[in-house]
């Protein structure tokens, strides 16, 4: 996933320096805005904001307050570059939540590793689970909101496993965790391709996942995920259950019930400007088509066909 770094700076020098530092890093995008354009940075919910206090008469403290008071950017890390040597000024910056306070002259290696380490720490803190290492609900919501506010065309893919509880009842939670990790790998493998390089995959929790791709032709992705999943999920069953094609579980009344092997249901919502009023409507549409997919036996996908 591309890491967007916004630089609040009225001059070009630092931007050129940062671009040179990250010239070999294709996963980092440096965008410069001046103080009057700060709403652009906030709307895009960047991975990191760097403020060059020396470049203008802008009050870095006021900018920091504005960033931290923005609901979507309250946890966005901030690095301030300033020649101000006053100890009190530094303390106030740190009190406002600034991650690092750097004084010129800038050591390029020091700046590089500071940025890399800040972003690594943020990534770790946003993880939903050590099981998958995928972004959790905070980052999922931020990613959806960013694309929606920018009026991008994108598709939301909502994933859910069928008969997963029955699997856990028979094989145990540790084996269930293995299927969760397997599912994450299948989704990543088929979504993070060169064709969909700006895609996003998140783990909502349990056996629920989400993916965002910019192109609307999602049928190939869904078909590839289903084919990959159905072939390889059998590795998590014993030969007897594979031969039968189902597992047996006793319900609360002691009656044995049969459940098909775990499959994957995908609900797809295609988003374009004017089709939805807000991100809540997107989530509701996703829940609806995913529920419809789950009513069909076996792995399947359903695409929301509503008009604007």
Protein backbone atom coordinates (compact mmCIF):
# COMPACT_ATOMS: atom_id res chain seq x y z
CA UNK A 1 0.00 0.00 0.00
CA UNK A 2 1.28 3.48 -0.90
CA UNK A 3 2.39 5.55 2.10
CA UNK A 4 1.32 9.15 1.50
CA UNK A 5 3.51 11.77 3.18
CA UNK A 6 2.30 15.38 3.11
CA UNK A 7 4.80 18.20 3.53
CA UNK A 8 3.45 21.56 4.70
CA UNK A 9 6.00 23.93 3.25
CA UNK A 10 6.01 27.17 1.23
CA UNK A 11 9.35 26.36 -0.45
CA UNK A 12 10.54 23.59 -2.78
CA UNK A 13 13.93 22.71 -1.28
CA UNK A 14 12.81 20.23 1.38
CA UNK A 15 10.39 18.50 -0.99
CA UNK A 16 13.23 17.90 -3.47
CA UNK A 17 15.41 16.59 -0.67
CA UNK A 18 12.70 14.15 0.47
CA UNK A 19 12.06 12.96 -3.08
CA UNK A 20 15.77 12.30 -3.46
CA UNK A 21 15.91 10.42 -0.15
CA UNK A 22 13.00 8.18 -1.20
CA UNK A 23 13.85 7.91 -4.92
CA UNK A 24 14.40 4.14 -4.62
CA UNK A 25 11.24 3.63 -2.54
CA UNK A 26 8.21 3.13 -4.80
CA UNK A 27 5.81 2.73 -1.82
CA UNK A 28 6.26 6.33 -0.60
CA UNK A 29 4.58 9.38 -2.17
CA UNK A 30 5.67 12.90 -1.18
CA UNK A 31 3.14 15.71 -1.71
CA UNK A 32 3.79 19.37 -0.81
CA UNK A 33 1.11 21.86 0.18
CA UNK A 34 1.31 25.30 1.74
CA UNK A 35 -0.51 26.37 4.88
CA UNK A 36 -3.56 27.63 2.96
CA UNK A 37 -3.93 24.17 1.37
CA UNK A 38 -3.82 22.16 4.59
CA UNK A 39 -7.38 20.92 3.99
CA UNK A 40 -6.04 18.95 1.01
CA UNK A 41 -3.71 17.04 3.32
CA UNK A 42 -6.38 16.48 5.95
CA UNK A 43 -8.92 15.24 3.40
CA UNK A 44 -6.48 12.63 2.10
CA UNK A 45 -5.74 11.31 5.63
CA UNK A 46 -2.00 10.85 5.02
CA UNK A 47 0.28 8.33 6.66
CA UNK A 48 2.51 11.16 7.93
CA UNK A 49 2.59 14.97 7.96
CA UNK A 50 5.86 16.94 7.98
CA UNK A 51 5.77 20.64 8.85
CA UNK A 52 8.66 22.88 7.82
CA UNK A 53 8.30 25.72 10.30
CA UNK A 54 11.28 27.60 8.81
CA UNK A 55 9.76 27.97 5.36
CA UNK A 56 7.19 30.62 6.22
CA UNK A 57 5.60 32.66 8.95
CA UNK A 58 3.14 29.84 9.59
CA UNK A 59 2.57 28.99 13.23
CA UNK A 60 3.49 25.30 13.46
CA UNK A 61 1.69 24.97 16.79
CA UNK A 62 -1.59 26.15 15.29
CA UNK A 63 -1.15 23.75 12.38
CA UNK A 64 -0.52 20.87 14.81
CA UNK A 65 -3.63 21.75 16.80
CA UNK A 66 -5.68 21.79 13.62
CA UNK A 67 -4.36 18.38 12.54
CA UNK A 68 -4.93 16.73 15.91
CA UNK A 69 -8.43 18.21 16.26
CA UNK A 70 -9.45 16.64 12.93
CA UNK A 71 -11.25 13.39 13.74
CA UNK A 72 -9.77 11.48 10.81
CA UNK A 73 -6.21 12.65 11.48
CA UNK A 74 -6.11 12.53 15.27
CA UNK A 75 -3.57 9.68 15.18
CA UNK A 76 -1.65 10.88 12.11
CA UNK A 77 2.00 11.31 13.18
CA UNK A 78 3.65 14.73 12.74
CA UNK A 79 7.32 15.62 12.27
CA UNK A 80 8.29 19.29 12.73
CA UNK A 81 11.45 20.70 11.18
CA UNK A 82 12.46 24.01 12.76
CA UNK A 83 15.46 26.15 13.67
CA UNK A 84 13.72 27.34 16.83
CA UNK A 85 16.07 26.45 19.70
CA UNK A 86 13.78 27.48 22.54
CA UNK A 87 13.30 24.61 24.97
CA UNK A 88 9.77 25.79 25.80
CA UNK A 89 8.80 25.76 22.11
CA UNK A 90 10.01 22.17 21.74
CA UNK A 91 8.09 21.04 24.82
CA UNK A 92 4.89 22.66 23.59
CA UNK A 93 5.26 20.88 20.25
CA UNK A 94 5.74 17.53 21.93
CA UNK A 95 2.79 18.24 24.22
CA UNK A 96 0.62 18.77 21.13
CA UNK A 97 1.48 15.25 19.97
CA UNK A 98 4.37 15.88 17.58
CA UNK A 99 6.30 12.63 17.07
CA UNK A 100 9.69 14.18 16.25
CA UNK A 101 11.25 17.65 16.45
CA UNK A 102 14.20 18.02 14.05
CA UNK A 103 16.57 20.99 13.82
CA UNK A 104 18.56 21.85 10.66
CA UNK A 105 21.01 21.15 9.16
CA UNK A 106 19.16 18.01 8.15
CA UNK A 107 21.00 14.71 8.19
CA UNK A 108 19.37 12.84 5.30
CA UNK A 109 19.95 9.38 6.76
CA UNK A 110 18.59 10.47 10.13
CA UNK A 111 15.47 11.93 8.46
CA UNK A 112 15.01 8.81 6.33
CA UNK A 113 15.10 6.37 9.24
CA UNK A 114 12.98 8.66 11.42
CA UNK A 115 10.23 8.63 8.78
CA UNK A 116 10.54 4.87 8.17
CA UNK A 117 10.39 4.05 11.89
CA UNK A 118 7.41 6.35 12.55
CA UNK A 119 5.44 4.69 9.77
CA UNK A 120 6.42 1.19 10.91
CA UNK A 121 5.23 1.95 14.44
CA UNK A 122 1.95 3.38 13.15
CA UNK A 123 1.42 0.27 11.03
CA UNK A 124 2.01 -2.01 14.02
CA UNK A 125 -0.36 0.01 16.20
CA UNK A 126 -3.11 -0.18 13.58
CA UNK A 127 -2.96 -3.94 13.25
CA UNK A 128 -6.16 -5.77 14.07
CA UNK A 129 -4.41 -9.01 14.96
CA UNK A 130 -0.99 -10.64 14.87
CA UNK A 131 -2.76 -13.43 12.99
CA UNK A 132 -2.92 -11.55 9.66
CA UNK A 133 -0.94 -8.34 10.19
CA UNK A 134 -3.56 -6.53 8.10
CA UNK A 135 -4.86 -3.01 8.83
CA UNK A 136 -7.83 -2.89 11.20
CA UNK A 137 -11.01 -0.88 11.45
CA UNK A 138 -9.38 2.53 12.04
CA UNK A 139 -7.38 2.35 8.84
CA UNK A 140 -10.20 0.66 6.90
CA UNK A 141 -12.60 3.50 7.69
CA UNK A 142 -9.96 6.12 6.87
CA UNK A 143 -9.21 4.49 3.51
CA UNK A 144 -12.88 4.30 2.51
CA UNK A 145 -13.55 7.88 3.60
CA UNK A 146 -10.49 9.20 1.76
CA UNK A 147 -11.48 7.62 -1.54
CA UNK A 148 -15.13 8.63 -1.13
CA UNK A 149 -14.32 12.28 -0.36
CA UNK A 150 -11.93 12.41 -3.31
CA UNK A 151 -14.81 11.17 -5.52
CA UNK A 152 -12.79 8.22 -6.77
CA UNK A 153 -14.30 5.28 -8.62
CA UNK A 154 -13.59 2.13 -6.65
CA UNK A 155 -15.05 -1.22 -5.70
CA UNK A 156 -15.54 -2.54 -2.17
CA UNK A 157 -15.22 -6.30 -1.67
CA UNK A 158 -16.66 -7.71 1.56
CA UNK A 159 -15.55 -11.25 2.49
CA UNK A 160 -17.07 -13.71 4.96
CA UNK A 161 -16.47 -17.44 5.51
CA UNK A 162 -19.38 -19.87 5.41
CA UNK A 163 -19.74 -22.69 7.97
CA UNK A 164 -16.68 -21.42 9.82
CA UNK A 165 -18.21 -21.85 13.28
CA UNK A 166 -18.92 -25.50 12.51
CA UNK A 167 -15.29 -25.92 11.46
CA UNK A 168 -14.09 -24.44 14.76
CA UNK A 169 -16.42 -26.75 16.70
CA UNK A 170 -14.92 -29.83 15.04
CA UNK A 171 -11.27 -28.89 14.49
CA UNK A 172 -10.72 -26.34 17.26
CA UNK A 173 -9.82 -22.66 17.36
CA UNK A 174 -6.13 -23.16 16.59
CA UNK A 175 -7.01 -24.82 13.27
CA UNK A 176 -9.59 -22.08 12.75
CA UNK A 177 -6.85 -19.47 13.12
CA UNK A 178 -4.92 -21.25 10.37
CA UNK A 179 -7.88 -20.86 8.01
CA UNK A 180 -8.09 -17.14 8.90
CA UNK A 181 -4.42 -16.69 7.99
CA UNK A 182 -4.90 -18.75 4.83
CA UNK A 183 -7.87 -16.57 3.81
CA UNK A 184 -5.82 -13.39 4.30
CA UNK A 185 -3.06 -14.78 2.06
CA UNK A 186 -5.52 -15.77 -0.67
CA UNK A 187 -7.11 -12.31 -0.71
CA UNK A 188 -3.73 -10.52 -0.70
CA UNK A 189 -2.35 -12.73 -3.46
CA UNK A 190 -5.27 -12.03 -5.78
CA UNK A 191 -5.84 -8.35 -4.92
CA UNK A 192 -2.30 -6.96 -4.61
CA UNK A 193 -1.28 -7.36 -8.24
CA UNK A 194 0.42 -4.99 -10.67
CA UNK A 195 -2.95 -4.28 -12.27
CA UNK A 196 -4.41 -3.25 -8.90
CA UNK A 197 -1.28 -1.72 -7.35
CA UNK A 198 -3.22 0.89 -5.36
CA UNK A 199 -5.49 -1.72 -3.79
CA UNK A 200 -6.13 -2.07 -0.06
CA UNK A 201 -6.87 -5.16 2.07
CA UNK A 202 -8.08 -4.97 5.67
CA UNK A 203 -9.15 -7.40 8.39
CA UNK A 204 -12.39 -6.30 10.04
CA UNK A 205 -12.11 -9.09 12.61
CA UNK A 206 -12.80 -12.83 12.94
CA UNK A 207 -13.52 -14.24 9.48
CA UNK A 208 -14.53 -10.87 7.99
CA UNK A 209 -12.21 -9.14 5.52
CA UNK A 210 -12.47 -6.20 3.17
CA UNK A 211 -10.67 -5.14 -0.01
CA UNK A 212 -10.74 -1.93 -2.04
CA UNK A 213 -9.70 -1.80 -5.68
CA UNK A 214 -9.79 1.21 -7.97
CA UNK A 215 -10.98 -0.56 -11.09
CA UNK A 216 -14.60 -1.64 -11.47
CA UNK A 217 -13.93 -4.94 -13.25
CA UNK A 218 -13.91 -7.02 -10.06
CA UNK A 219 -15.39 -10.25 -11.40
CA UNK A 220 -11.96 -11.63 -12.32
CA UNK A 221 -10.69 -10.91 -8.81
CA UNK A 222 -13.67 -12.64 -7.20
CA UNK A 223 -13.38 -15.66 -9.49
CA UNK A 224 -9.64 -15.98 -8.83
CA UNK A 225 -10.11 -15.74 -5.05
CA UNK A 226 -12.89 -18.36 -5.08
CA UNK A 227 -10.90 -20.78 -7.25
CA UNK A 228 -7.79 -20.35 -5.09
CA UNK A 229 -9.75 -20.69 -1.85
CA UNK A 230 -11.81 -23.73 -2.80
CA UNK A 231 -8.82 -25.73 -4.03
CA UNK A 232 -6.52 -25.01 -1.11
CA UNK A 233 -8.94 -24.91 1.86
CA UNK A 234 -9.12 -28.70 1.66
CA UNK A 235 -5.63 -28.84 3.20
CA UNK A 236 -7.28 -27.95 6.51
CA UNK A 237 -9.59 -31.01 6.52
CA UNK A 238 -8.90 -34.69 7.03
CA UNK A 239 -9.37 -37.15 4.17
CA UNK A 240 -12.65 -38.50 5.55
CA UNK A 241 -14.34 -35.10 5.63
CA UNK A 242 -13.00 -34.21 2.16
CA UNK A 243 -14.43 -37.45 0.75
CA UNK A 244 -17.83 -36.84 2.38
CA UNK A 245 -17.84 -33.17 1.41
CA UNK A 246 -19.19 -32.15 4.81
CA UNK A 247 -18.54 -32.28 8.57
CA UNK A 248 -20.90 -33.40 11.31
CA UNK A 249 -21.64 -31.29 14.37
CA UNK A 250 -24.02 -31.93 17.26
CA UNK A 251 -26.39 -29.02 17.92
CA UNK A 252 -27.59 -27.89 21.38
CA UNK A 253 -30.20 -30.65 21.44
CA UNK A 254 -27.62 -33.29 20.64
CA UNK A 255 -28.87 -33.81 17.10
CA UNK A 256 -26.13 -34.34 14.51
CA UNK A 257 -26.17 -31.79 11.71
CA UNK A 258 -24.21 -31.79 8.47
CA UNK A 259 -22.28 -28.70 7.32
CA UNK A 260 -20.55 -28.31 3.94
CA UNK A 261 -16.82 -27.56 3.86
CA UNK A 262 -15.93 -23.94 4.56
CA UNK A 263 -16.47 -21.67 1.57
CA UNK A 264 -16.10 -17.94 0.96
CA UNK A 265 -18.85 -15.41 0.20
CA UNK A 266 -18.04 -12.07 -1.43
CA UNK A 267 -20.28 -9.02 -1.63
CA UNK A 268 -19.17 -6.37 -4.12
CA UNK A 269 -20.21 -2.72 -4.12
CA UNK A 270 -19.14 -0.50 -7.01
CA UNK A 271 -18.75 3.11 -5.85
CA UNK A 272 -18.81 6.14 -8.12
CA UNK A 273 -19.58 9.81 -7.66
CA UNK A 274 -23.24 10.43 -6.78
CA UNK A 275 -24.17 6.79 -6.23
CA UNK A 276 -23.97 6.98 -2.42
CA UNK A 277 -24.53 9.90 -0.06
CA UNK A 278 -22.02 8.76 2.56
CA UNK A 279 -19.77 5.87 3.59
CA UNK A 280 -22.50 4.44 5.83
CA UNK A 281 -24.64 3.76 2.76
CA UNK A 282 -21.70 1.92 1.18
CA UNK A 283 -21.38 -0.30 4.26
CA UNK A 284 -25.11 -1.01 4.25
CA UNK A 285 -25.01 -1.99 0.57
CA UNK A 286 -22.01 -4.22 1.31
CA UNK A 287 -23.78 -5.98 4.15
CA UNK A 288 -26.81 -6.56 1.92
CA UNK A 289 -24.95 -8.14 -1.01
CA UNK A 290 -22.72 -10.20 1.29
CA UNK A 291 -25.81 -11.56 3.03
CA UNK A 292 -27.28 -12.45 -0.36
CA UNK A 293 -24.06 -14.24 -1.32
CA UNK A 294 -24.21 -16.26 1.90
CA UNK A 295 -27.68 -17.57 1.02
CA UNK A 296 -26.14 -19.35 -1.97
CA UNK A 297 -24.43 -22.64 -1.12
CA UNK A 298 -20.70 -22.79 -1.81
CA UNK A 299 -18.24 -20.05 -2.61
CA UNK A 300 -19.85 -17.26 -4.58
CA UNK A 301 -19.97 -13.52 -5.15
CA UNK A 302 -22.79 -11.02 -5.63
CA UNK A 303 -22.36 -7.54 -7.13
CA UNK A 304 -24.58 -4.64 -6.08
CA UNK A 305 -26.36 -3.41 -9.21
CA UNK A 306 -28.16 -0.37 -7.82
CA UNK A 307 -28.27 2.75 -9.95
CA UNK A 308 -27.43 6.29 -8.86
